[in-house]
Amino acid sequence: RQMCIRDRPMQLSFVEGRNRMKLCNKISKGVAKGAEVICMLTIAALVLVIVVELLRRNFLGQSFGGNVQLCGILFLWMAFIGLIPLYRDSGLMRLDFLVARTKGPVYEVLYFANKLFSLLLGVVMVVAFAAQYPYVSTRTYSTFPIPVPYTVQYFPMCLAGAYMALESLRQMAEHVAEKARGSRAQV
């Protein structure tokens, strides 16, 4: 079959769309790798802060007042930023046990329901940060020698939520594109 002139723009846009999907996938993978590095650094910082505090308390009889808050901030960064590579690699609890045993329309409904719930969770995390921002941006920790706003502990929630929402959209678009390619191949 020869391609008509009117078919070319559709073909070009389909190829461009596939390239955009690949670019989005690479960006998503890069963000997840960066999140893994941040997560490893926060774990190392947590260990270092705890060991230094134990040494100071036991051998020097001193203590840093902001240590509890610092550990709390590092833990929140580790937990929320850790969601990014987990979600990217499908490491979060999902309906896989149910979805894997289904086929056809039931599979599609469960797949999109799962992605929709993840999208909504991400949006809720971003909205929660936005709602709390006016309050947390004006408050600072009293135990730190420099003014550190409470925002520092809520920001990773916003980042993880934004990533989950965008990644859910990317995964759904990729799934639809794969289905479209599959239906074109069958014709």
N, C-alpha and C. Protein backbone atom coordinates (compact mmCIF):
# COMPACT_ATOMS: atom_id res chain seq x y z
N ARG A 1 0.84 -1.18 0.00
CA ARG A 1 0.00 0.00 0.00
C ARG A 1 0.88 1.24 0.00
N GLN A 2 0.61 2.16 -0.87
CA GLN A 2 1.35 3.41 -0.91
C GLN A 2 0.72 4.40 0.05
N MET A 3 1.59 5.24 0.59
CA MET A 3 1.10 6.23 1.53
C MET A 3 0.64 7.47 0.77
N CYS A 4 -0.53 7.92 1.07
CA CYS A 4 -1.07 9.13 0.46
C CYS A 4 -0.43 10.34 1.13
N ILE A 5 -0.50 11.46 0.44
CA ILE A 5 0.05 12.70 1.00
C ILE A 5 -0.68 13.06 2.29
N ARG A 6 -1.96 12.85 2.33
CA ARG A 6 -2.71 13.20 3.55
C ARG A 6 -2.34 12.31 4.73
N ASP A 7 -1.72 11.13 4.48
CA ASP A 7 -1.30 10.23 5.55
C ASP A 7 0.02 10.66 6.18
N ARG A 8 0.82 11.40 5.47
CA ARG A 8 2.15 11.76 5.97
C ARG A 8 2.12 12.57 7.27
N PRO A 9 1.33 13.61 7.35
CA PRO A 9 1.35 14.36 8.63
C PRO A 9 0.99 13.48 9.83
N MET A 10 0.06 12.57 9.65
CA MET A 10 -0.31 11.67 10.74
C MET A 10 0.87 10.77 11.09
N GLN A 11 1.55 10.26 10.08
CA GLN A 11 2.70 9.40 10.32
C GLN A 11 3.81 10.19 11.03
N LEU A 12 4.07 11.41 10.57
CA LEU A 12 5.09 12.22 11.21
C LEU A 12 4.73 12.53 12.65
N SER A 13 3.49 12.88 12.91
CA SER A 13 3.10 13.20 14.27
C SER A 13 3.16 11.96 15.17
N PHE A 14 2.87 10.79 14.60
CA PHE A 14 2.96 9.56 15.37
C PHE A 14 4.41 9.28 15.75
N VAL A 15 5.34 9.47 14.79
CA VAL A 15 6.76 9.26 15.07
C VAL A 15 7.25 10.31 16.06
N GLU A 16 6.84 11.55 15.88
CA GLU A 16 7.23 12.59 16.82
C GLU A 16 6.69 12.29 18.21
N GLY A 17 5.46 11.80 18.27
CA GLY A 17 4.88 11.43 19.57
C GLY A 17 5.65 10.33 20.24
N ARG A 18 6.11 9.36 19.48
CA ARG A 18 6.89 8.26 20.03
C ARG A 18 8.22 8.79 20.57
N ASN A 19 8.84 9.73 19.83
CA ASN A 19 10.10 10.32 20.29
C ASN A 19 9.88 11.15 21.56
N ARG A 20 8.77 11.83 21.63
CA ARG A 20 8.46 12.59 22.84
C ARG A 20 8.27 11.66 24.03
N MET A 21 7.63 10.54 23.79
CA MET A 21 7.44 9.55 24.86
C MET A 21 8.79 9.04 25.36
N LYS A 22 9.70 8.77 24.42
CA LYS A 22 11.03 8.30 24.80
C LYS A 22 11.76 9.36 25.61
N LEU A 23 11.63 10.63 25.21
CA LEU A 23 12.27 11.71 25.94
C LEU A 23 11.68 11.84 27.34
N CYS A 24 10.36 11.78 27.44
CA CYS A 24 9.71 11.84 28.76
C CYS A 24 10.16 10.68 29.64
N ASN A 25 10.30 9.51 29.04
CA ASN A 25 10.74 8.33 29.78
C ASN A 25 12.17 8.53 30.29
N LYS A 26 13.04 9.09 29.45
CA LYS A 26 14.43 9.34 29.87
C LYS A 26 14.48 10.38 31.00
N ILE A 27 13.69 11.42 30.88
CA ILE A 27 13.65 12.44 31.93
C ILE A 27 13.14 11.84 33.24
N SER A 28 12.09 11.04 33.14
CA SER A 28 11.52 10.38 34.32
C SER A 28 12.55 9.47 34.98
N LYS A 29 13.26 8.72 34.16
CA LYS A 29 14.29 7.81 34.68
C LYS A 29 15.41 8.61 35.34
N GLY A 30 15.80 9.74 34.74
CA GLY A 30 16.84 10.58 35.32
C GLY A 30 16.43 11.18 36.66
N VAL A 31 15.19 11.63 36.74
CA VAL A 31 14.69 12.16 38.01
C VAL A 31 14.69 11.07 39.08
N ALA A 32 14.27 9.87 38.71
CA ALA A 32 14.26 8.76 39.67
C ALA A 32 15.67 8.41 40.13
N LYS A 33 16.64 8.45 39.22
CA LYS A 33 18.04 8.17 39.62
C LYS A 33 18.55 9.27 40.55
N GLY A 34 18.22 10.52 40.23
CA GLY A 34 18.59 11.63 41.11
C GLY A 34 17.97 11.48 42.49
N ALA A 35 16.72 11.03 42.54
CA ALA A 35 16.05 10.80 43.82
C ALA A 35 16.73 9.69 44.60
N GLU A 36 17.21 8.66 43.92
CA GLU A 36 17.94 7.59 44.60
C GLU A 36 19.20 8.14 45.27
N VAL A 37 19.91 9.02 44.55
CA VAL A 37 21.12 9.63 45.11
C VAL A 37 20.77 10.46 46.34
N ILE A 38 19.72 11.28 46.23
CA ILE A 38 19.29 12.10 47.37
C ILE A 38 18.91 11.21 48.55
N CYS A 39 18.23 10.12 48.26
CA CYS A 39 17.82 9.19 49.32
C CYS A 39 19.05 8.58 50.01
N MET A 40 20.03 8.17 49.22
CA MET A 40 21.25 7.61 49.82
C MET A 40 21.99 8.65 50.65
N LEU A 41 22.03 9.89 50.16
CA LEU A 41 22.70 10.95 50.91
C LEU A 41 21.98 11.26 52.22
N THR A 42 20.64 11.22 52.21
CA THR A 42 19.91 11.49 53.46
C THR A 42 20.11 10.35 54.46
N ILE A 43 20.20 9.12 53.97
CA ILE A 43 20.47 8.00 54.88
C ILE A 43 21.86 8.15 55.49
N ALA A 44 22.85 8.49 54.65
CA ALA A 44 24.21 8.69 55.16
C ALA A 44 24.24 9.85 56.16
N ALA A 45 23.52 10.92 55.87
CA ALA A 45 23.48 12.06 56.79
C ALA A 45 22.81 11.68 58.10
N LEU A 46 21.74 10.90 58.03
CA LEU A 46 21.07 10.44 59.26
C LEU A 46 22.03 9.64 60.13
N VAL A 47 22.74 8.71 59.52
CA VAL A 47 23.69 7.89 60.28
C VAL A 47 24.77 8.78 60.89
N LEU A 48 25.31 9.69 60.10
CA LEU A 48 26.36 10.58 60.59
C LEU A 48 25.87 11.45 61.75
N VAL A 49 24.70 12.03 61.61
CA VAL A 49 24.15 12.90 62.66
C VAL A 49 23.94 12.10 63.95
N ILE A 50 23.41 10.90 63.82
CA ILE A 50 23.15 10.08 65.02
C ILE A 50 24.45 9.66 65.69
N VAL A 51 25.43 9.22 64.90
CA VAL A 51 26.71 8.79 65.47
C VAL A 51 27.42 9.96 66.14
N VAL A 52 27.45 11.12 65.49
CA VAL A 52 28.10 12.30 66.09
C VAL A 52 27.40 12.69 67.39
N GLU A 53 26.07 12.66 67.38
CA GLU A 53 25.33 13.00 68.60
C GLU A 53 25.63 12.02 69.73
N LEU A 54 25.69 10.73 69.40
CA LEU A 54 26.02 9.74 70.44
C LEU A 54 27.42 9.96 70.99
N LEU A 55 28.37 10.25 70.12
CA LEU A 55 29.74 10.50 70.58
C LEU A 55 29.82 11.76 71.43
N ARG A 56 29.14 12.82 71.02
CA ARG A 56 29.16 14.06 71.79
C ARG A 56 28.51 13.87 73.16
N ARG A 57 27.41 13.16 73.20
CA ARG A 57 26.72 12.95 74.49
C ARG A 57 27.54 12.07 75.42
N ASN A 58 28.06 10.97 74.90
CA ASN A 58 28.73 9.99 75.76
C ASN A 58 30.14 10.37 76.14
N PHE A 59 30.87 11.07 75.25
CA PHE A 59 32.27 11.37 75.56
C PHE A 59 32.52 12.82 75.95
N LEU A 60 31.71 13.73 75.47
CA LEU A 60 31.93 15.14 75.77
C LEU A 60 30.86 15.73 76.69
N GLY A 61 29.78 15.00 76.89
CA GLY A 61 28.71 15.49 77.74
C GLY A 61 27.96 16.67 77.13
N GLN A 62 28.01 16.79 75.81
CA GLN A 62 27.34 17.88 75.11
C GLN A 62 26.25 17.31 74.21
N SER A 63 25.35 18.20 73.80
CA SER A 63 24.30 17.77 72.88
C SER A 63 23.87 18.95 72.02
N PHE A 64 23.52 18.66 70.79
CA PHE A 64 23.01 19.68 69.88
C PHE A 64 21.49 19.67 69.99
N GLY A 65 20.92 20.80 70.37
CA GLY A 65 19.48 20.89 70.60
C GLY A 65 18.63 20.60 69.38
N GLY A 66 19.11 20.91 68.22
CA GLY A 66 18.32 20.72 67.00
C GLY A 66 18.46 19.36 66.38
N ASN A 67 19.13 18.44 67.09
CA ASN A 67 19.39 17.12 66.52
C ASN A 67 18.10 16.35 66.21
N VAL A 68 17.14 16.42 67.08
CA VAL A 68 15.89 15.70 66.87
C VAL A 68 15.17 16.25 65.63
N GLN A 69 15.14 17.59 65.52
CA GLN A 69 14.49 18.19 64.35
C GLN A 69 15.26 17.86 63.07
N LEU A 70 16.59 17.89 63.13
CA LEU A 70 17.40 17.59 61.96
C LEU A 70 17.16 16.14 61.50
N CYS A 71 17.10 15.21 62.44
CA CYS A 71 16.82 13.82 62.09
C CYS A 71 15.42 13.67 61.51
N GLY A 72 14.46 14.41 62.06
CA GLY A 72 13.10 14.38 61.53
C GLY A 72 13.04 14.89 60.10
N ILE A 73 13.74 15.99 59.83
CA ILE A 73 13.77 16.54 58.48
C ILE A 73 14.42 15.56 57.51
N LEU A 74 15.56 15.00 57.90
CA LEU A 74 16.24 14.04 57.04
C LEU A 74 15.37 12.81 56.79
N PHE A 75 14.67 12.35 57.82
CA PHE A 75 13.80 11.18 57.64
C PHE A 75 12.67 11.48 56.65
N LEU A 76 12.06 12.66 56.77
CA LEU A 76 10.99 13.01 55.84
C LEU A 76 11.50 13.12 54.40
N TRP A 77 12.70 13.69 54.24
CA TRP A 77 13.28 13.75 52.89
C TRP A 77 13.51 12.34 52.36
N MET A 78 14.07 11.47 53.20
CA MET A 78 14.32 10.11 52.78
C MET A 78 13.02 9.40 52.40
N ALA A 79 11.99 9.56 53.20
CA ALA A 79 10.73 8.86 52.97
C ALA A 79 10.02 9.37 51.73
N PHE A 80 9.86 10.68 51.60
CA PHE A 80 9.12 11.21 50.46
C PHE A 80 9.90 11.13 49.16
N ILE A 81 11.18 11.47 49.19
CA ILE A 81 11.98 11.38 47.97
C ILE A 81 12.15 9.91 47.58
N GLY A 82 12.15 9.03 48.56
CA GLY A 82 12.22 7.58 48.28
C GLY A 82 11.00 7.06 47.53
N LEU A 83 9.88 7.78 47.62
CA LEU A 83 8.69 7.37 46.85
C LEU A 83 8.92 7.48 45.34
N ILE A 84 9.78 8.40 44.93
CA ILE A 84 9.98 8.64 43.50
C ILE A 84 10.56 7.41 42.80
N PRO A 85 11.71 6.86 43.22
CA PRO A 85 12.18 5.66 42.53
C PRO A 85 11.28 4.45 42.75
N LEU A 86 10.63 4.39 43.91
CA LEU A 86 9.70 3.28 44.14
C LEU A 86 8.54 3.32 43.14
N TYR A 87 7.98 4.50 42.94
CA TYR A 87 6.87 4.60 42.01
C TYR A 87 7.33 4.34 40.58
N ARG A 88 8.48 4.85 40.24
CA ARG A 88 9.02 4.66 38.89
C ARG A 88 9.22 3.17 38.60
N ASP A 89 9.74 2.44 39.58
CA ASP A 89 10.04 1.02 39.39
C ASP A 89 8.90 0.12 39.84
N SER A 90 7.73 0.67 40.01
CA SER A 90 6.55 -0.09 40.44
C SER A 90 6.78 -0.82 41.75
N GLY A 91 7.48 -0.18 42.67
CA GLY A 91 7.77 -0.81 43.95
C GLY A 91 6.74 -0.51 45.03
N LEU A 92 5.76 0.33 44.72
CA LEU A 92 4.72 0.61 45.69
C LEU A 92 3.69 -0.50 45.69
N MET A 93 2.96 -0.61 46.78
CA MET A 93 1.89 -1.60 46.83
C MET A 93 0.85 -1.24 45.77
N ARG A 94 0.49 -2.22 45.00
CA ARG A 94 -0.49 -1.98 43.94
C ARG A 94 -1.43 -3.16 43.88
N LEU A 95 -2.26 -3.11 42.89
CA LEU A 95 -3.22 -4.19 42.68
C LEU A 95 -2.65 -5.24 41.72
N ASP A 96 -1.33 -5.39 41.68
CA ASP A 96 -0.70 -6.31 40.72
C ASP A 96 -1.23 -7.73 40.84
N PHE A 97 -1.41 -8.19 42.06
CA PHE A 97 -1.89 -9.55 42.24
C PHE A 97 -3.25 -9.74 41.59
N LEU A 98 -4.05 -8.69 41.56
CA LEU A 98 -5.36 -8.75 40.94
C LEU A 98 -5.28 -8.45 39.44
N VAL A 99 -4.52 -7.42 39.10
CA VAL A 99 -4.40 -7.00 37.70
C VAL A 99 -3.74 -8.09 36.86
N ALA A 100 -2.71 -8.75 37.39
CA ALA A 100 -1.96 -9.76 36.63
C ALA A 100 -2.83 -10.96 36.25
N ARG A 101 -3.87 -11.20 36.98
CA ARG A 101 -4.73 -12.36 36.71
C ARG A 101 -5.91 -12.04 35.80
N THR A 102 -5.98 -10.80 35.37
CA THR A 102 -7.11 -10.40 34.53
C THR A 102 -6.63 -10.11 33.12
N LYS A 103 -7.57 -10.10 32.20
CA LYS A 103 -7.27 -9.80 30.81
C LYS A 103 -8.40 -8.95 30.24
N GLY A 104 -8.10 -8.34 29.11
CA GLY A 104 -9.14 -7.61 28.40
C GLY A 104 -9.61 -6.37 29.11
N PRO A 105 -10.91 -6.11 29.02
CA PRO A 105 -11.46 -4.86 29.59
C PRO A 105 -11.29 -4.75 31.11
N VAL A 106 -11.36 -5.87 31.82
CA VAL A 106 -11.18 -5.82 33.27
C VAL A 106 -9.77 -5.35 33.61
N TYR A 107 -8.78 -5.86 32.88
CA TYR A 107 -7.39 -5.44 33.07
C TYR A 107 -7.26 -3.93 32.84
N GLU A 108 -7.85 -3.46 31.76
CA GLU A 108 -7.75 -2.04 31.41
C GLU A 108 -8.39 -1.17 32.49
N VAL A 109 -9.53 -1.56 32.98
CA VAL A 109 -10.22 -0.79 34.03
C VAL A 109 -9.36 -0.75 35.30
N LEU A 110 -8.82 -1.90 35.71
CA LEU A 110 -8.00 -1.94 36.91
C LEU A 110 -6.70 -1.15 36.73
N TYR A 111 -6.10 -1.26 35.55
CA TYR A 111 -4.86 -0.53 35.27
C TYR A 111 -5.10 0.97 35.39
N PHE A 112 -6.13 1.47 34.71
CA PHE A 112 -6.38 2.91 34.72
C PHE A 112 -6.88 3.38 36.09
N ALA A 113 -7.60 2.55 36.82
CA ALA A 113 -8.02 2.93 38.17
C ALA A 113 -6.80 3.09 39.07
N ASN A 114 -5.86 2.17 38.96
CA ASN A 114 -4.63 2.24 39.74
C ASN A 114 -3.86 3.51 39.41
N LYS A 115 -3.71 3.81 38.14
CA LYS A 115 -2.97 5.01 37.73
C LYS A 115 -3.72 6.28 38.13
N LEU A 116 -5.03 6.25 38.03
CA LEU A 116 -5.83 7.41 38.41
C LEU A 116 -5.70 7.70 39.91
N PHE A 117 -5.73 6.65 40.74
CA PHE A 117 -5.57 6.84 42.18
C PHE A 117 -4.18 7.39 42.50
N SER A 118 -3.16 6.91 41.80
CA SER A 118 -1.80 7.43 42.01
C SER A 118 -1.72 8.89 41.58
N LEU A 119 -2.35 9.21 40.47
CA LEU A 119 -2.39 10.60 40.00
C LEU A 119 -3.06 11.49 41.04
N LEU A 120 -4.19 11.04 41.56
CA LEU A 120 -4.92 11.83 42.56
C LEU A 120 -4.12 11.97 43.85
N LEU A 121 -3.43 10.92 44.25
CA LEU A 121 -2.59 11.01 45.46
C LEU A 121 -1.50 12.05 45.25
N GLY A 122 -0.88 12.05 44.08
CA GLY A 122 0.14 13.05 43.79
C GLY A 122 -0.42 14.46 43.83
N VAL A 123 -1.58 14.65 43.25
CA VAL A 123 -2.22 15.97 43.25
C VAL A 123 -2.54 16.40 44.69
N VAL A 124 -3.03 15.48 45.50
CA VAL A 124 -3.35 15.80 46.90
C VAL A 124 -2.08 16.21 47.65
N MET A 125 -0.98 15.55 47.38
CA MET A 125 0.28 15.91 48.05
C MET A 125 0.73 17.33 47.68
N VAL A 126 0.59 17.68 46.41
CA VAL A 126 0.98 19.02 45.97
C VAL A 126 0.02 20.06 46.56
N VAL A 127 -1.27 19.78 46.53
CA VAL A 127 -2.26 20.71 47.07
C VAL A 127 -2.06 20.88 48.58
N ALA A 128 -1.75 19.80 49.27
CA ALA A 128 -1.50 19.89 50.72
C ALA A 128 -0.31 20.79 51.01
N PHE A 129 0.74 20.67 50.21
CA PHE A 129 1.90 21.54 50.39
C PHE A 129 1.51 23.00 50.14
N ALA A 130 0.78 23.22 49.06
CA ALA A 130 0.36 24.59 48.72
C ALA A 130 -0.52 25.18 49.82
N ALA A 131 -1.38 24.36 50.41
CA ALA A 131 -2.26 24.84 51.48
C ALA A 131 -1.48 25.15 52.75
N GLN A 132 -0.45 24.37 53.03
CA GLN A 132 0.34 24.57 54.25
C GLN A 132 1.41 25.62 54.09
N TYR A 133 1.77 25.95 52.86
CA TYR A 133 2.89 26.85 52.62
C TYR A 133 2.78 28.20 53.34
N PRO A 134 1.64 28.87 53.28
CA PRO A 134 1.59 30.18 53.97
C PRO A 134 1.92 30.09 55.46
N TYR A 135 1.58 29.00 56.10
CA TYR A 135 1.86 28.84 57.52
C TYR A 135 3.31 28.40 57.74
N VAL A 136 3.74 27.33 57.04
CA VAL A 136 5.07 26.76 57.31
C VAL A 136 6.20 27.64 56.82
N SER A 137 5.93 28.51 55.88
CA SER A 137 7.01 29.37 55.37
C SER A 137 7.33 30.51 56.34
N THR A 138 6.43 30.79 57.26
CA THR A 138 6.67 31.88 58.22
C THR A 138 7.19 31.38 59.56
N ARG A 139 7.17 30.11 59.79
CA ARG A 139 7.65 29.53 61.05
C ARG A 139 9.06 28.98 60.86
N THR A 140 9.87 29.11 61.89
CA THR A 140 11.24 28.56 61.84
C THR A 140 11.48 27.70 63.07
N TYR A 141 12.45 26.81 62.93
CA TYR A 141 12.85 25.96 64.05
C TYR A 141 13.60 26.81 65.06
N SER A 142 13.21 26.71 66.31
CA SER A 142 13.86 27.53 67.35
C SER A 142 15.17 26.90 67.83
N THR A 143 15.38 25.63 67.55
CA THR A 143 16.58 24.96 68.06
C THR A 143 17.78 25.06 67.14
N PHE A 144 17.59 25.56 65.93
CA PHE A 144 18.71 25.71 65.00
C PHE A 144 19.37 27.07 65.20
N PRO A 145 20.70 27.13 65.03
CA PRO A 145 21.38 28.43 65.20
C PRO A 145 21.05 29.43 64.08
N ILE A 146 20.63 28.94 62.92
CA ILE A 146 20.21 29.82 61.83
C ILE A 146 18.71 29.60 61.59
N PRO A 147 18.01 30.60 61.07
CA PRO A 147 16.57 30.41 60.84
C PRO A 147 16.31 29.43 59.69
N VAL A 148 15.72 28.30 60.02
CA VAL A 148 15.36 27.28 59.03
C VAL A 148 13.83 27.17 59.04
N PRO A 149 13.19 27.51 57.92
CA PRO A 149 11.72 27.45 57.90
C PRO A 149 11.21 26.02 57.88
N TYR A 150 10.02 25.84 58.40
CA TYR A 150 9.38 24.53 58.40
C TYR A 150 9.16 24.00 56.98
N THR A 151 9.20 24.87 56.00
CA THR A 151 8.99 24.47 54.61
C THR A 151 9.95 23.37 54.20
N VAL A 152 11.14 23.36 54.80
CA VAL A 152 12.16 22.39 54.41
C VAL A 152 11.70 20.95 54.64
N GLN A 153 10.82 20.73 55.59
CA GLN A 153 10.36 19.37 55.83
C GLN A 153 9.13 19.01 55.00
N TYR A 154 8.44 20.00 54.44
CA TYR A 154 7.26 19.73 53.62
C TYR A 154 7.56 19.71 52.13
N PHE A 155 8.66 20.29 51.73
CA PHE A 155 8.99 20.39 50.31
C PHE A 155 9.14 19.04 49.62
N PRO A 156 9.77 18.02 50.25
CA PRO A 156 9.88 16.73 49.55
C PRO A 156 8.51 16.08 49.28
N MET A 157 7.52 16.36 50.11
CA MET A 157 6.17 15.85 49.86
C MET A 157 5.65 16.43 48.55
N CYS A 158 5.89 17.70 48.34
CA CYS A 158 5.45 18.36 47.11
C CYS A 158 6.17 17.78 45.89
N LEU A 159 7.49 17.59 46.01
CA LEU A 159 8.26 17.02 44.90
C LEU A 159 7.78 15.61 44.56
N ALA A 160 7.60 14.78 45.57
CA ALA A 160 7.15 13.41 45.33
C ALA A 160 5.75 13.39 44.74
N GLY A 161 4.88 14.25 45.22
CA GLY A 161 3.52 14.31 44.68
C GLY A 161 3.50 14.75 43.23
N ALA A 162 4.29 15.77 42.91
CA ALA A 162 4.36 16.24 41.53
C ALA A 162 4.89 15.14 40.62
N TYR A 163 5.92 14.43 41.09
CA TYR A 163 6.47 13.34 40.28
C TYR A 163 5.44 12.24 40.07
N MET A 164 4.75 11.85 41.14
CA MET A 164 3.75 10.78 41.01
C MET A 164 2.65 11.17 40.04
N ALA A 165 2.20 12.41 40.11
CA ALA A 165 1.14 12.86 39.21
C ALA A 165 1.62 12.85 37.76
N LEU A 166 2.78 13.42 37.52
CA LEU A 166 3.30 13.48 36.14
C LEU A 166 3.65 12.10 35.61
N GLU A 167 4.23 11.27 36.46
CA GLU A 167 4.60 9.92 36.03
C GLU A 167 3.35 9.09 35.75
N SER A 168 2.30 9.28 36.52
CA SER A 168 1.05 8.57 36.25
C SER A 168 0.50 8.96 34.90
N LEU A 169 0.52 10.26 34.60
CA LEU A 169 0.06 10.72 33.29
C LEU A 169 0.92 10.13 32.17
N ARG A 170 2.25 10.12 32.38
CA ARG A 170 3.15 9.57 31.37
C ARG A 170 2.88 8.09 31.14
N GLN A 171 2.71 7.33 32.23
CA GLN A 171 2.46 5.90 32.10
C GLN A 171 1.13 5.62 31.40
N MET A 172 0.10 6.41 31.73
CA MET A 172 -1.19 6.20 31.06
C MET A 172 -1.10 6.54 29.58
N ALA A 173 -0.40 7.63 29.25
CA ALA A 173 -0.24 8.01 27.84
C ALA A 173 0.55 6.95 27.08
N GLU A 174 1.59 6.42 27.72
CA GLU A 174 2.39 5.37 27.09
C GLU A 174 1.56 4.10 26.88
N HIS A 175 0.74 3.78 27.85
CA HIS A 175 -0.12 2.59 27.74
C HIS A 175 -1.11 2.75 26.59
N VAL A 176 -1.71 3.93 26.49
CA VAL A 176 -2.66 4.18 25.40
C VAL A 176 -1.94 4.13 24.06
N ALA A 177 -0.74 4.72 23.98
CA ALA A 177 0.03 4.70 22.74
C ALA A 177 0.39 3.27 22.33
N GLU A 178 0.77 2.44 23.29
CA GLU A 178 1.08 1.03 22.99
C GLU A 178 -0.15 0.31 22.47
N LYS A 179 -1.29 0.58 23.08
CA LYS A 179 -2.53 -0.04 22.61
C LYS A 179 -2.85 0.42 21.19
N ALA A 180 -2.62 1.69 20.90
CA ALA A 180 -2.89 2.23 19.57
C ALA A 180 -1.95 1.60 18.55
N ARG A 181 -0.67 1.44 18.91
CA ARG A 181 0.27 0.79 18.01
C ARG A 181 -0.13 -0.65 17.76
N GLY A 182 -0.58 -1.32 18.83
CA GLY A 182 -1.00 -2.71 18.71
C GLY A 182 -2.23 -2.86 17.80
N SER A 183 -3.15 -1.95 17.91
CA SER A 183 -4.35 -2.03 17.06
C SER A 183 -4.01 -1.68 15.61
N ARG A 184 -3.03 -0.81 15.38
CA ARG A 184 -2.61 -0.50 14.01
C ARG A 184 -1.89 -1.70 13.39
N ALA A 185 -1.11 -2.39 14.21
CA ALA A 185 -0.37 -3.55 13.70
C ALA A 185 -1.30 -4.68 13.31
N GLN A 186 -2.44 -4.79 13.97
CA GLN A 186 -3.39 -5.87 13.67
C GLN A 186 -4.16 -5.61 12.40
N VAL A 187 -4.26 -4.35 11.98
CA VAL A 187 -5.05 -4.00 10.79
C VAL A 187 -4.37 -4.42 9.53
